[in-house]
Amino acid sequence: MVLVIDNYDSFTYNLVQYLGELQAEMTIHRNDQITLDQIRELKPERILISPGPCSPNEAGLSNDIIKTFGPATPILG
């Protein structure tokens, strides 16, 4: 399963569309509407972090996701 982190950028749904065309199983969450514990429970095989936001200060959980899951889970974004 691919976990898609939406950073409130409209391009996110282009990426989701492409993943859908590849028939990828995915779940989509906004960068401020999921916790690290919830991500652990999902056990994603891959993580896609969408473009945006304006600066890393506005990235919600995205930076923590990279730090926490990056060593063991493939991440694009």
Protein backbone atom coordinates (compact mmCIF):
# COMPACT_ATOMS: atom_id res chain seq x y z
CA MET A 1 0.00 0.00 0.00
CA VAL A 2 1.17 3.51 -0.85
CA LEU A 3 0.53 6.20 1.73
CA VAL A 4 0.04 9.57 0.02
CA ILE A 5 0.64 12.64 2.18
CA ASP A 6 -1.24 15.62 0.77
CA ASN A 7 0.51 18.93 1.45
CA TYR A 8 -2.51 20.93 0.30
CA ASP A 9 -1.25 21.14 -3.27
CA SER A 10 -3.57 20.59 -6.22
CA PHE A 11 -0.92 18.50 -8.00
CA THR A 12 -1.47 15.78 -5.39
CA TYR A 13 -4.49 14.49 -7.25
CA ASN A 14 -2.55 14.26 -10.51
CA LEU A 15 -0.16 11.94 -8.68
CA VAL A 16 -3.08 9.99 -7.20
CA GLN A 17 -4.57 9.66 -10.69
CA TYR A 18 -1.31 8.19 -12.01
CA LEU A 19 -1.07 5.76 -9.11
CA GLY A 20 -4.65 4.74 -9.80
CA GLU A 21 -3.79 4.05 -13.43
CA LEU A 22 -1.08 1.72 -12.15
CA GLN A 23 -3.76 0.10 -9.95
CA ALA A 24 -1.77 0.88 -6.83
CA GLU A 25 -3.50 0.36 -3.52
CA MET A 26 -3.29 3.68 -1.69
CA THR A 27 -4.61 5.78 1.12
CA ILE A 28 -4.47 9.58 1.16
CA HIS A 29 -4.12 11.80 4.22
CA ARG A 30 -3.54 15.52 4.68
CA ASN A 31 -0.23 16.43 6.31
CA ASP A 32 -1.96 17.60 9.48
CA GLN A 33 -4.67 14.95 9.74
CA ILE A 34 -2.65 11.83 10.55
CA THR A 35 -0.19 10.90 13.29
CA LEU A 36 3.03 8.91 13.22
CA ASP A 37 1.30 6.20 15.26
CA GLN A 38 -1.52 5.99 12.72
CA ILE A 39 1.05 5.65 9.95
CA ARG A 40 2.75 2.83 11.86
CA GLU A 41 -0.61 1.06 12.10
CA LEU A 42 -1.14 1.42 8.34
CA LYS A 43 2.25 -0.22 7.65
CA PRO A 44 2.72 1.42 4.25
CA GLU A 45 5.07 -0.27 1.80
CA ARG A 46 5.85 3.11 0.24
CA ILE A 47 5.17 6.75 1.04
CA LEU A 48 4.58 9.55 -1.45
CA ILE A 49 4.79 13.10 -0.11
CA SER A 50 3.10 15.58 -2.40
CA PRO A 51 4.49 18.93 -3.54
CA GLY A 52 3.91 21.98 -1.39
CA PRO A 53 3.56 23.69 0.98
CA CYS A 54 5.11 27.14 0.92
CA SER A 55 7.94 26.26 3.31
CA PRO A 56 9.07 23.38 5.55
CA ASN A 57 7.54 25.23 8.50
CA GLU A 58 4.13 24.59 6.94
CA ALA A 59 4.75 20.95 6.04
CA GLY A 60 2.73 19.53 8.91
CA LEU A 61 3.94 16.02 9.66
CA SER A 62 5.88 15.59 6.39
CA ASN A 63 9.34 16.29 7.85
CA ASP A 64 8.73 13.93 10.77
CA ILE A 65 7.50 11.24 8.38
CA ILE A 66 10.76 11.46 6.44
CA LYS A 67 12.87 11.29 9.61
CA THR A 68 10.87 8.43 11.11
CA PHE A 69 10.11 6.21 8.13
CA GLY A 70 12.85 7.17 5.66
CA PRO A 71 15.43 4.65 6.85
CA ALA A 72 13.13 1.65 6.29
CA THR A 73 10.39 2.74 3.86
CA PRO A 74 10.87 4.01 0.30
CA ILE A 75 9.75 7.65 0.13
CA LEU A 76 9.18 9.82 -2.92
CA GLY A 77 8.66 13.51 -2.41
